[in-house]
C-alpha atoms as a PDB file:
ATOM      1  CA  UNK A   1     -55.409 -12.333 119.701  1.00  0.00           C
ATOM      2  CA  UNK A   2     -56.428 -10.837 122.983  1.00  0.00           C
ATOM      3  CA  UNK A   3     -55.002 -12.868 126.248  1.00  0.00           C
ATOM      4  CA  UNK A   4     -56.368 -11.943 129.698  1.00  0.00           C
ATOM      5  CA  UNK A   5     -54.185 -13.212 132.532  1.00  0.00           C
ATOM      6  CA  UNK A   6     -55.010 -14.388 136.040  1.00  0.00           C
ATOM      7  CA  UNK A   7     -51.977 -13.829 138.186  1.00  0.00           C
ATOM      8  CA  UNK A   8     -51.062 -15.861 141.180  1.00  0.00           C
ATOM      9  CA  UNK A   9     -48.789 -16.043 143.656  1.00  0.00           C
ATOM     10  CA  UNK A  10     -49.368 -18.656 146.103  1.00  0.00           C
ATOM     11  CA  UNK A  11     -49.988 -22.472 145.343  1.00  0.00           C
ATOM     12  CA  UNK A  12     -53.168 -23.039 147.174  1.00  0.00           C
ATOM     13  CA  UNK A  13     -54.821 -19.994 145.484  1.00  0.00           C
ATOM     14  CA  UNK A  14     -53.634 -21.122 142.198  1.00  0.00           C
ATOM     15  CA  UNK A  15     -55.181 -24.587 142.871  1.00  0.00           C
ATOM     16  CA  UNK A  16     -58.182 -23.232 144.249  1.00  0.00           C
ATOM     17  CA  UNK A  17     -58.838 -20.735 140.729  1.00  0.00           C
ATOM     18  CA  UNK A  18     -57.701 -23.940 138.350  1.00  0.00           C
ATOM     19  CA  UNK A  19     -60.275 -25.958 140.355  1.00  0.00           C
ATOM     20  CA  UNK A  20     -62.958 -23.828 139.683  1.00  0.00           C
ATOM     21  CA  UNK A  21     -62.494 -23.171 135.755  1.00  0.00           C
ATOM     22  CA  UNK A  22     -64.244 -24.572 133.318  1.00  0.00           C
ATOM     23  CA  UNK A  23     -62.556 -25.774 130.147  1.00  0.00           C
ATOM     24  CA  UNK A  24     -59.751 -25.155 128.882  1.00  0.00           C
ATOM     25  CA  UNK A  25     -56.636 -23.834 130.758  1.00  0.00           C
ATOM     26  CA  UNK A  26     -52.978 -22.537 130.364  1.00  0.00           C
ATOM     27  CA  UNK A  27     -50.763 -21.962 132.699  1.00  0.00           C
ATOM     28  CA  UNK A  28     -47.982 -19.353 131.612  1.00  0.00           C
ATOM     29  CA  UNK A  29     -44.539 -19.592 133.341  1.00  0.00           C
ATOM     30  CA  UNK A  30     -41.847 -18.612 130.858  1.00  0.00           C
ATOM     31  CA  UNK A  31     -44.476 -18.789 128.210  1.00  0.00           C
ATOM     32  CA  UNK A  32     -41.546 -19.298 125.496  1.00  0.00           C
ATOM     33  CA  UNK A  33     -43.671 -21.948 123.524  1.00  0.00           C
ATOM     34  CA  UNK A  34     -47.100 -20.679 124.590  1.00  0.00           C
ATOM     35  CA  UNK A  35     -46.697 -17.291 123.345  1.00  0.00           C
ATOM     36  CA  UNK A  36     -45.853 -17.907 119.724  1.00  0.00           C
ATOM     37  CA  UNK A  37     -48.365 -20.376 119.303  1.00  0.00           C
ATOM     38  CA  UNK A  38     -51.030 -17.370 120.625  1.00  0.00           C
ATOM     39  CA  UNK A  39     -49.119 -15.004 118.245  1.00  0.00           C
ATOM     40  CA  UNK A  40     -49.601 -17.415 115.475  1.00  0.00           C
ATOM     41  CA  UNK A  41     -53.335 -17.978 116.111  1.00  0.00           C
ATOM     42  CA  UNK A  42     -53.414 -21.384 116.609  1.00  0.00           C
ATOM     43  CA  UNK A  43     -55.009 -22.216 120.708  1.00  0.00           C
ATOM     44  CA  UNK A  44     -58.053 -22.682 121.349  1.00  0.00           C
ATOM     45  CA  UNK A  45     -60.143 -20.371 123.808  1.00  0.00           C
ATOM     46  CA  UNK A  46     -58.717 -20.852 127.587  1.00  0.00           C
ATOM     47  CA  UNK A  47     -58.108 -18.823 130.394  1.00  0.00           C
ATOM     48  CA  UNK A  48     -55.151 -18.210 131.018  1.00  0.00           C
ATOM     49  CA  UNK A  49     -52.999 -18.193 134.713  1.00  0.00           C
ATOM     50  CA  UNK A  50     -49.902 -16.689 135.235  1.00  0.00           C
ATOM     51  CA  UNK A  51     -47.533 -19.401 137.558  1.00  0.00           C
ATOM     52  CA  UNK A  52     -44.263 -17.693 137.348  1.00  0.00           C
ATOM     53  CA  UNK A  53     -44.597 -16.144 140.735  1.00  0.00           C
ATOM     54  CA  UNK A  54     -45.533 -19.180 142.472  1.00  0.00           C
ATOM     55  CA  UNK A  55     -42.560 -20.160 145.020  1.00  0.00           C
ATOM     56  CA  UNK A  56     -43.651 -23.587 145.775  1.00  0.00           C
ATOM     57  CA  UNK A  57     -42.603 -24.103 141.897  1.00  0.00           C
ATOM     58  CA  UNK A  58     -39.005 -23.116 142.360  1.00  0.00           C
ATOM     59  CA  UNK A  59     -36.339 -24.410 143.573  1.00  0.00           C
ATOM     60  CA  UNK A  60     -33.373 -27.121 143.342  1.00  0.00           C
ATOM     61  CA  UNK A  61     -32.537 -29.345 146.215  1.00  0.00           C
ATOM     62  CA  UNK A  62     -31.696 -32.660 147.301  1.00  0.00           C
ATOM     63  CA  UNK A  63     -34.493 -34.423 149.535  1.00  0.00           C
ATOM     64  CA  UNK A  64     -33.660 -37.776 151.219  1.00  0.00           C
ATOM     65  CA  UNK A  65     -31.683 -39.486 148.608  1.00  0.00           C
ATOM     66  CA  UNK A  66     -33.707 -37.296 145.343  1.00  0.00           C
ATOM     67  CA  UNK A  67     -32.993 -34.835 143.436  1.00  0.00           C
ATOM     68  CA  UNK A  68     -35.687 -32.232 143.280  1.00  0.00           C
ATOM     69  CA  UNK A  69     -36.409 -29.736 140.382  1.00  0.00           C
ATOM     70  CA  UNK A  70     -39.285 -27.401 140.684  1.00  0.00           C
ATOM     71  CA  UNK A  71     -41.752 -26.851 137.514  1.00  0.00           C
ATOM     72  CA  UNK A  72     -40.834 -23.347 137.373  1.00  0.00           C
ATOM     73  CA  UNK A  73     -37.287 -23.599 137.674  1.00  0.00           C
ATOM     74  CA  UNK A  74     -35.640 -22.132 134.454  1.00  0.00           C
ATOM     75  CA  UNK A  75     -33.227 -23.937 131.578  1.00  0.00           C
ATOM     76  CA  UNK A  76     -30.264 -20.992 133.069  1.00  0.00           C
ATOM     77  CA  UNK A  77     -30.655 -22.265 136.485  1.00  0.00           C
ATOM     78  CA  UNK A  78     -30.493 -26.094 135.808  1.00  0.00           C
ATOM     79  CA  UNK A  79     -27.409 -25.319 133.462  1.00  0.00           C
ATOM     80  CA  UNK A  80     -25.853 -23.370 136.313  1.00  0.00           C
ATOM     81  CA  UNK A  81     -26.880 -25.814 139.210  1.00  0.00           C
ATOM     82  CA  UNK A  82     -23.872 -27.214 140.656  1.00  0.00           C
ATOM     83  CA  UNK A  83     -26.529 -30.226 141.750  1.00  0.00           C
ATOM     84  CA  UNK A  84     -27.855 -30.596 138.308  1.00  0.00           C
ATOM     85  CA  UNK A  85     -23.969 -31.092 137.321  1.00  0.00           C
ATOM     86  CA  UNK A  86     -23.304 -33.756 139.761  1.00  0.00           C
ATOM     87  CA  UNK A  87     -26.888 -35.438 139.879  1.00  0.00           C
ATOM     88  CA  UNK A  88     -28.164 -35.197 136.496  1.00  0.00           C
ATOM     89  CA  UNK A  89     -25.636 -33.915 134.192  1.00  0.00           C
ATOM     90  CA  UNK A  90     -27.007 -34.873 131.109  1.00  0.00           C
ATOM     91  CA  UNK A  91     -30.091 -32.867 131.739  1.00  0.00           C
ATOM     92  CA  UNK A  92     -27.539 -29.691 132.627  1.00  0.00           C
ATOM     93  CA  UNK A  93     -25.961 -30.417 129.201  1.00  0.00           C
ATOM     94  CA  UNK A  94     -29.423 -30.389 127.442  1.00  0.00           C
ATOM     95  CA  UNK A  95     -30.699 -27.526 129.362  1.00  0.00           C
ATOM     96  CA  UNK A  96     -27.231 -25.397 128.328  1.00  0.00           C
ATOM     97  CA  UNK A  97     -28.593 -26.298 124.821  1.00  0.00           C
ATOM     98  CA  UNK A  98     -32.320 -25.011 124.711  1.00  0.00           C
ATOM     99  CA  UNK A  99     -32.710 -21.900 122.308  1.00  0.00           C
ATOM    100  CA  UNK A 100     -30.515 -19.050 123.305  1.00  0.00           C
ATOM    101  CA  UNK A 101     -29.428 -17.116 126.345  1.00  0.00           C
ATOM    102  CA  UNK A 102     -33.390 -15.178 126.566  1.00  0.00           C
ATOM    103  CA  UNK A 103     -35.063 -18.516 126.154  1.00  0.00           C
ATOM    104  CA  UNK A 104     -32.984 -20.420 128.911  1.00  0.00           C
ATOM    105  CA  UNK A 105     -33.917 -17.539 131.201  1.00  0.00           C
ATOM    106  CA  UNK A 106     -37.382 -17.350 130.545  1.00  0.00           C
ATOM    107  CA  UNK A 107     -38.137 -21.078 129.884  1.00  0.00           C
ATOM    108  CA  UNK A 108     -39.074 -23.740 132.288  1.00  0.00           C
ATOM    109  CA  UNK A 109     -38.422 -27.700 132.749  1.00  0.00           C
ATOM    110  CA  UNK A 110     -42.136 -27.667 133.866  1.00  0.00           C
ATOM    111  CA  UNK A 111     -43.145 -25.887 130.519  1.00  0.00           C
ATOM    112  CA  UNK A 112     -40.984 -28.103 128.103  1.00  0.00           C
ATOM    113  CA  UNK A 113     -42.429 -31.381 129.578  1.00  0.00           C
ATOM    114  CA  UNK A 114     -45.718 -29.771 129.584  1.00  0.00           C
ATOM    115  CA  UNK A 115     -45.648 -28.765 125.731  1.00  0.00           C
ATOM    116  CA  UNK A 116     -45.652 -32.393 125.503  1.00  0.00           C
ATOM    117  CA  UNK A 117     -43.133 -32.136 122.054  1.00  0.00           C
ATOM    118  CA  UNK A 118     -41.252 -35.494 120.627  1.00  0.00           C
ATOM    119  CA  UNK A 119     -38.427 -33.073 120.226  1.00  0.00           C
ATOM    120  CA  UNK A 120     -37.988 -31.425 123.379  1.00  0.00           C
ATOM    121  CA  UNK A 121     -34.190 -31.274 124.093  1.00  0.00           C
ATOM    122  CA  UNK A 122     -34.605 -31.540 127.970  1.00  0.00           C
ATOM    123  CA  UNK A 123     -36.943 -34.671 128.049  1.00  0.00           C
ATOM    124  CA  UNK A 124     -34.495 -37.263 126.869  1.00  0.00           C
ATOM    125  CA  UNK A 125     -32.262 -36.539 129.246  1.00  0.00           C
ATOM    126  CA  UNK A 126     -35.328 -36.852 131.528  1.00  0.00           C
ATOM    127  CA  UNK A 127     -36.045 -40.008 130.564  1.00  0.00           C
ATOM    128  CA  UNK A 128     -32.301 -41.172 131.097  1.00  0.00           C
ATOM    129  CA  UNK A 129     -32.403 -40.391 134.188  1.00  0.00           C
ATOM    130  CA  UNK A 130     -35.736 -42.417 135.322  1.00  0.00           C
ATOM    131  CA  UNK A 131     -37.298 -38.681 136.323  1.00  0.00           C
ATOM    132  CA  UNK A 132     -40.793 -38.919 138.003  1.00  0.00           C
ATOM    133  CA  UNK A 133     -43.015 -35.927 137.767  1.00  0.00           C
ATOM    134  CA  UNK A 134     -45.011 -34.920 140.918  1.00  0.00           C
ATOM    135  CA  UNK A 135     -48.593 -33.886 139.893  1.00  0.00           C
ATOM    136  CA  UNK A 136     -50.417 -31.740 142.158  1.00  0.00           C
ATOM    137  CA  UNK A 137     -54.338 -30.325 142.346  1.00  0.00           C
ATOM    138  CA  UNK A 138     -56.988 -29.199 144.678  1.00  0.00           C
ATOM    139  CA  UNK A 139     -57.868 -32.995 144.268  1.00  0.00           C
ATOM    140  CA  UNK A 140     -54.758 -34.370 145.650  1.00  0.00           C
ATOM    141  CA  UNK A 141     -51.731 -35.465 144.707  1.00  0.00           C
ATOM    142  CA  UNK A 142     -49.861 -38.288 142.500  1.00  0.00           C
ATOM    143  CA  UNK A 143     -46.922 -39.123 140.869  1.00  0.00           C
ATOM    144  CA  UNK A 144     -46.193 -40.419 137.108  1.00  0.00           C
ATOM    145  CA  UNK A 145     -43.210 -41.463 135.479  1.00  0.00           C
ATOM    146  CA  UNK A 146     -41.942 -39.320 133.214  1.00  0.00           C
ATOM    147  CA  UNK A 147     -42.162 -42.048 129.951  1.00  0.00           C
ATOM    148  CA  UNK A 148     -45.864 -42.032 131.156  1.00  0.00           C
ATOM    149  CA  UNK A 149     -46.644 -38.343 131.079  1.00  0.00           C
ATOM    150  CA  UNK A 150     -46.832 -37.491 126.986  1.00  0.00           C
ATOM    151  CA  UNK A 151     -49.663 -39.243 124.876  1.00  0.00           C
ATOM    152  CA  UNK A 152     -48.855 -37.610 121.735  1.00  0.00           C
ATOM    153  CA  UNK A 153     -47.222 -34.392 120.528  1.00  0.00           C
ATOM    154  CA  UNK A 154     -48.994 -31.527 122.607  1.00  0.00           C
ATOM    155  CA  UNK A 155     -51.153 -34.123 124.368  1.00  0.00           C
ATOM    156  CA  UNK A 156     -50.525 -34.550 128.425  1.00  0.00           C
ATOM    157  CA  UNK A 157     -51.751 -36.912 131.211  1.00  0.00           C
ATOM    158  CA  UNK A 158     -52.845 -33.641 132.724  1.00  0.00           C
ATOM    159  CA  UNK A 159     -56.251 -33.601 134.248  1.00  0.00           C
ATOM    160  CA  UNK A 160     -58.223 -30.630 134.577  1.00  0.00           C
ATOM    161  CA  UNK A 161     -57.011 -28.413 136.994  1.00  0.00           C
ATOM    162  CA  UNK A 162     -53.864 -30.257 137.758  1.00  0.00           C
ATOM    163  CA  UNK A 163     -50.427 -29.059 137.075  1.00  0.00           C
ATOM    164  CA  UNK A 164     -46.601 -30.187 137.601  1.00  0.00           C
ATOM    165  CA  UNK A 165     -45.102 -29.625 140.828  1.00  0.00           C
ATOM    166  CA  UNK A 166     -41.983 -30.778 140.418  1.00  0.00           C
ATOM    167  CA  UNK A 167     -39.666 -33.161 138.959  1.00  0.00           C
ATOM    168  CA  UNK A 168     -37.800 -36.020 141.054  1.00  0.00           C
ATOM    169  CA  UNK A 169     -35.025 -38.840 140.591  1.00  0.00           C
ATOM    170  CA  UNK A 170     -32.806 -40.572 142.571  1.00  0.00           C
ATOM    171  CA  UNK A 171     -29.073 -39.529 143.110  1.00  0.00           C
ATOM    172  CA  UNK A 172     -27.272 -42.708 141.621  1.00  0.00           C
ATOM    173  CA  UNK A 173     -23.534 -41.971 143.016  1.00  0.00           C
ATOM    174  CA  UNK A 174     -20.969 -41.847 139.713  1.00  0.00           C
ATOM    175  CA  UNK A 175     -24.097 -40.856 137.490  1.00  0.00           C
ATOM    176  CA  UNK A 176     -22.631 -39.587 134.263  1.00  0.00           C
ATOM    177  CA  UNK A 177     -24.399 -38.271 130.940  1.00  0.00           C
ATOM    178  CA  UNK A 178     -24.335 -37.393 128.353  1.00  0.00           C
ATOM    179  CA  UNK A 179     -26.885 -34.758 125.720  1.00  0.00           C
ATOM    180  CA  UNK A 180     -26.683 -34.321 121.917  1.00  0.00           C
ATOM    181  CA  UNK A 181     -28.375 -33.558 118.976  1.00  0.00           C
ATOM    182  CA  UNK A 182     -28.645 -33.179 115.363  1.00  0.00           C
ATOM    183  CA  UNK A 183     -29.620 -30.060 114.153  1.00  0.00           C
ATOM    184  CA  UNK A 184     -29.720 -27.780 111.026  1.00  0.00           C
ATOM    185  CA  UNK A 185     -27.209 -24.974 112.562  1.00  0.00           C
ATOM    186  CA  UNK A 186     -24.769 -25.364 115.962  1.00  0.00           C
ATOM    187  CA  UNK A 187     -27.022 -23.475 117.647  1.00  0.00           C
ATOM    188  CA  UNK A 188     -30.848 -21.922 118.224  1.00  0.00           C
ATOM    189  CA  UNK A 189     -32.006 -24.931 115.648  1.00  0.00           C
ATOM    190  CA  UNK A 190     -34.780 -27.523 116.680  1.00  0.00           C
ATOM    191  CA  UNK A 191     -33.214 -30.815 117.112  1.00  0.00           C
ATOM    192  CA  UNK A 192     -33.343 -33.343 114.102  1.00  0.00           C
ATOM    193  CA  UNK A 193     -32.882 -35.879 116.009  1.00  0.00           C
ATOM    194  CA  UNK A 194     -31.711 -36.200 120.192  1.00  0.00           C
ATOM    195  CA  UNK A 195     -29.930 -38.060 122.252  1.00  0.00           C
ATOM    196  CA  UNK A 196     -30.198 -38.596 126.525  1.00  0.00           C
ATOM    197  CA  UNK A 197     -27.979 -41.128 127.868  1.00  0.00           C
ATOM    198  CA  UNK A 198     -26.994 -41.695 131.850  1.00  0.00           C
ATOM    199  CA  UNK A 199     -25.190 -44.510 133.045  1.00  0.00           C
ATOM    200  CA  UNK A 200     -22.934 -45.896 135.895  1.00  0.00           C
ATOM    201  CA  UNK A 201     -19.944 -47.625 135.563  1.00  0.00           C
ATOM    202  CA  UNK A 202     -19.491 -51.025 137.498  1.00  0.00           C
ATOM    203  CA  UNK A 203     -16.168 -49.986 139.309  1.00  0.00           C
ATOM    204  CA  UNK A 204     -15.678 -54.274 140.238  1.00  0.00           C
ATOM    205  CA  UNK A 205     -15.233 -54.976 136.663  1.00  0.00           C
ATOM    206  CA  UNK A 206     -11.209 -55.897 135.795  1.00  0.00           C
ATOM    207  CA  UNK A 207     -11.036 -55.526 132.203  1.00  0.00           C
ATOM    208  CA  UNK A 208     -13.463 -53.608 130.061  1.00  0.00           C
ATOM    209  CA  UNK A 209     -16.216 -51.223 130.909  1.00  0.00           C
ATOM    210  CA  UNK A 210     -19.456 -52.011 132.182  1.00  0.00           C
ATOM    211  CA  UNK A 211     -22.581 -50.686 133.274  1.00  0.00           C
ATOM    212  CA  UNK A 212     -24.363 -50.963 136.862  1.00  0.00           C
ATOM    213  CA  UNK A 213     -26.842 -48.781 135.406  1.00  0.00           C
ATOM    214  CA  UNK A 214     -27.934 -47.536 131.709  1.00  0.00           C
ATOM    215  CA  UNK A 215     -30.909 -45.760 129.862  1.00  0.00           C
ATOM    216  CA  UNK A 216     -30.701 -44.443 126.898  1.00  0.00           C
ATOM    217  CA  UNK A 217     -33.862 -41.990 125.045  1.00  0.00           C
ATOM    218  CA  UNK A 218     -33.761 -40.579 122.016  1.00  0.00           C
ATOM    219  CA  UNK A 219     -36.192 -37.075 121.059  1.00  0.00           C
ATOM    220  CA  UNK A 220     -37.712 -36.568 117.279  1.00  0.00           C
ATOM    221  CA  UNK A 221     -37.805 -40.061 116.029  1.00  0.00           C
ATOM    222  CA  UNK A 222     -41.481 -40.864 116.753  1.00  0.00           C
ATOM    223  CA  UNK A 223     -45.034 -39.334 118.401  1.00  0.00           C
ATOM    224  CA  UNK A 224     -42.751 -39.074 121.826  1.00  0.00           C
ATOM    225  CA  UNK A 225     -39.877 -39.566 123.107  1.00  0.00           C
ATOM    226  CA  UNK A 226     -38.336 -43.394 123.055  1.00  0.00           C
ATOM    227  CA  UNK A 227     -36.956 -45.315 125.979  1.00  0.00           C
ATOM    228  CA  UNK A 228     -34.534 -47.313 123.768  1.00  0.00           C
ATOM    229  CA  UNK A 229     -34.870 -50.429 125.902  1.00  0.00           C
ATOM    230  CA  UNK A 230     -33.569 -52.939 123.399  1.00  0.00           C
ATOM    231  CA  UNK A 231     -30.111 -50.952 123.481  1.00  0.00           C
ATOM    232  CA  UNK A 232     -29.899 -51.088 126.980  1.00  0.00           C
ATOM    233  CA  UNK A 233     -30.452 -54.566 127.577  1.00  0.00           C
ATOM    234  CA  UNK A 234     -27.818 -55.181 125.092  1.00  0.00           C
ATOM    235  CA  UNK A 235     -25.127 -53.098 126.341  1.00  0.00           C
ATOM    236  CA  UNK A 236     -25.312 -54.012 130.084  1.00  0.00           C
ATOM    237  CA  UNK A 237     -25.277 -57.631 129.269  1.00  0.00           C
ATOM    238  CA  UNK A 238     -21.986 -58.100 128.482  1.00  0.00           C
ATOM    239  CA  UNK A 239     -18.951 -55.171 128.530  1.00  0.00           C
ATOM    240  CA  UNK A 240     -18.306 -52.602 126.276  1.00  0.00           C
ATOM    241  CA  UNK A 241     -16.243 -53.119 123.283  1.00  0.00           C
ATOM    242  CA  UNK A 242     -16.465 -51.740 119.679  1.00  0.00           C
ATOM    243  CA  UNK A 243     -18.206 -54.468 118.254  1.00  0.00           C
ATOM    244  CA  UNK A 244     -20.374 -53.858 120.940  1.00  0.00           C
ATOM    245  CA  UNK A 245     -21.266 -50.720 120.531  1.00  0.00           C
ATOM    246  CA  UNK A 246     -21.531 -50.663 116.565  1.00  0.00           C
ATOM    247  CA  UNK A 247     -24.016 -53.605 116.781  1.00  0.00           C
ATOM    248  CA  UNK A 248     -26.080 -51.194 119.674  1.00  0.00           C
ATOM    249  CA  UNK A 249     -25.854 -48.451 117.047  1.00  0.00           C
ATOM    250  CA  UNK A 250     -27.826 -50.677 114.441  1.00  0.00           C
ATOM    251  CA  UNK A 251     -29.992 -52.089 117.240  1.00  0.00           C
ATOM    252  CA  UNK A 252     -30.848 -48.448 117.635  1.00  0.00           C
ATOM    253  CA  UNK A 253     -31.881 -47.667 114.271  1.00  0.00           C
ATOM    254  CA  UNK A 254     -34.084 -50.750 114.099  1.00  0.00           C
ATOM    255  CA  UNK A 255     -35.698 -49.249 117.502  1.00  0.00           C
ATOM    256  CA  UNK A 256     -36.875 -46.207 116.340  1.00  0.00           C
ATOM    257  CA  UNK A 257     -39.722 -44.696 114.155  1.00  0.00           C
ATOM    258  CA  UNK A 258     -39.708 -41.368 113.096  1.00  0.00           C
ATOM    259  CA  UNK A 259     -40.958 -39.761 110.200  1.00  0.00           C
ATOM    260  CA  UNK A 260     -40.237 -37.308 107.711  1.00  0.00           C
ATOM    261  CA  UNK A 261     -40.793 -33.903 107.890  1.00  0.00           C
ATOM    262  CA  UNK A 262     -39.707 -29.910 106.704  1.00  0.00           C
ATOM    263  CA  UNK A 263     -37.003 -30.245 109.245  1.00  0.00           C
ATOM    264  CA  UNK A 264     -35.605 -34.268 108.200  1.00  0.00           C
ATOM    265  CA  UNK A 265     -36.012 -37.030 106.446  1.00  0.00           C
ATOM    266  CA  UNK A 266     -36.945 -40.446 108.313  1.00  0.00           C
ATOM    267  CA  UNK A 267     -33.672 -42.266 107.097  1.00  0.00           C
ATOM    268  CA  UNK A 268     -31.341 -39.458 107.452  1.00  0.00           C
ATOM    269  CA  UNK A 269     -33.063 -39.392 111.582  1.00  0.00           C
ATOM    270  CA  UNK A 270     -32.674 -43.320 111.996  1.00  0.00           C
ATOM    271  CA  UNK A 271     -29.074 -42.994 110.990  1.00  0.00           C
ATOM    272  CA  UNK A 272     -28.258 -40.276 112.720  1.00  0.00           C
ATOM    273  CA  UNK A 273     -29.570 -41.936 115.780  1.00  0.00           C
ATOM    274  CA  UNK A 274     -26.805 -44.724 115.594  1.00  0.00           C
ATOM    275  CA  UNK A 275     -24.377 -42.282 115.523  1.00  0.00           C
ATOM    276  CA  UNK A 276     -25.609 -39.694 118.244  1.00  0.00           C
ATOM    277  CA  UNK A 277     -25.040 -43.369 120.441  1.00  0.00           C
ATOM    278  CA  UNK A 278     -22.157 -43.905 118.857  1.00  0.00           C
ATOM    279  CA  UNK A 279     -20.657 -40.514 119.501  1.00  0.00           C
ATOM    280  CA  UNK A 280     -22.431 -40.989 123.688  1.00  0.00           C
ATOM    281  CA  UNK A 281     -20.546 -44.106 124.400  1.00  0.00           C
ATOM    282  CA  UNK A 282     -17.106 -44.260 121.716  1.00  0.00           C
ATOM    283  CA  UNK A 283     -14.997 -42.376 124.655  1.00  0.00           C
ATOM    284  CA  UNK A 284     -15.539 -45.203 127.040  1.00  0.00           C
ATOM    285  CA  UNK A 285     -13.757 -47.457 124.693  1.00  0.00           C
END
């Protein structure tokens, strides 16, 4: 498959070019997913726009009370960032487990999102953080909650000529987080099921453990990443105990809707959702 790429190094010229193109556009940053699909011959004809050198798509910073991560930031940059480790520990852990060193040094968080894969490692972490995606085109800007972005595998809400500009979420004092997965082997494997958990403990609780903030999300258990709202509501209602955590794990197993495929069976994924939740929160007991 012959690919002709237009290279852009400025956001305005990129958006202008994207607005003028009729038909499909592929935005090439790290290319760790797109190039695999291209060589497999499964991509439709499209115009390719190289965006890795657009400076406005880079950088990690605190702006007001939010952490901003540019869509072109690599997984390696995210895992090494002290800001991410402080304000989004689950995301730092997820990025550290994306592929191998070569993939992490090229793959970007924007690409991980735009690919709209239900097994994408960073996305459950972003769900748990309540991330908002800042989208931009020559027509203007808009913000979409990360939970509303992916519609189905390989389908998202991006409109023609529109790109992911940045990922933003609140800086919550005291935030803790856990990312974990089950895969065929310890590294360099696609997750059979993964989890992102972010929480802020209630410091005023005299006995036990309670949550001022708690969000839980699972990947590879449905057509998109799943926010486990029943689990969250149950765990926020009363202080954590061994019995309540066991019940929450049962709720997790009933809340997910996995399928069987070449990587795993639905029943195994359902059971492992409960195991991953237990592993994430049992250290608090």
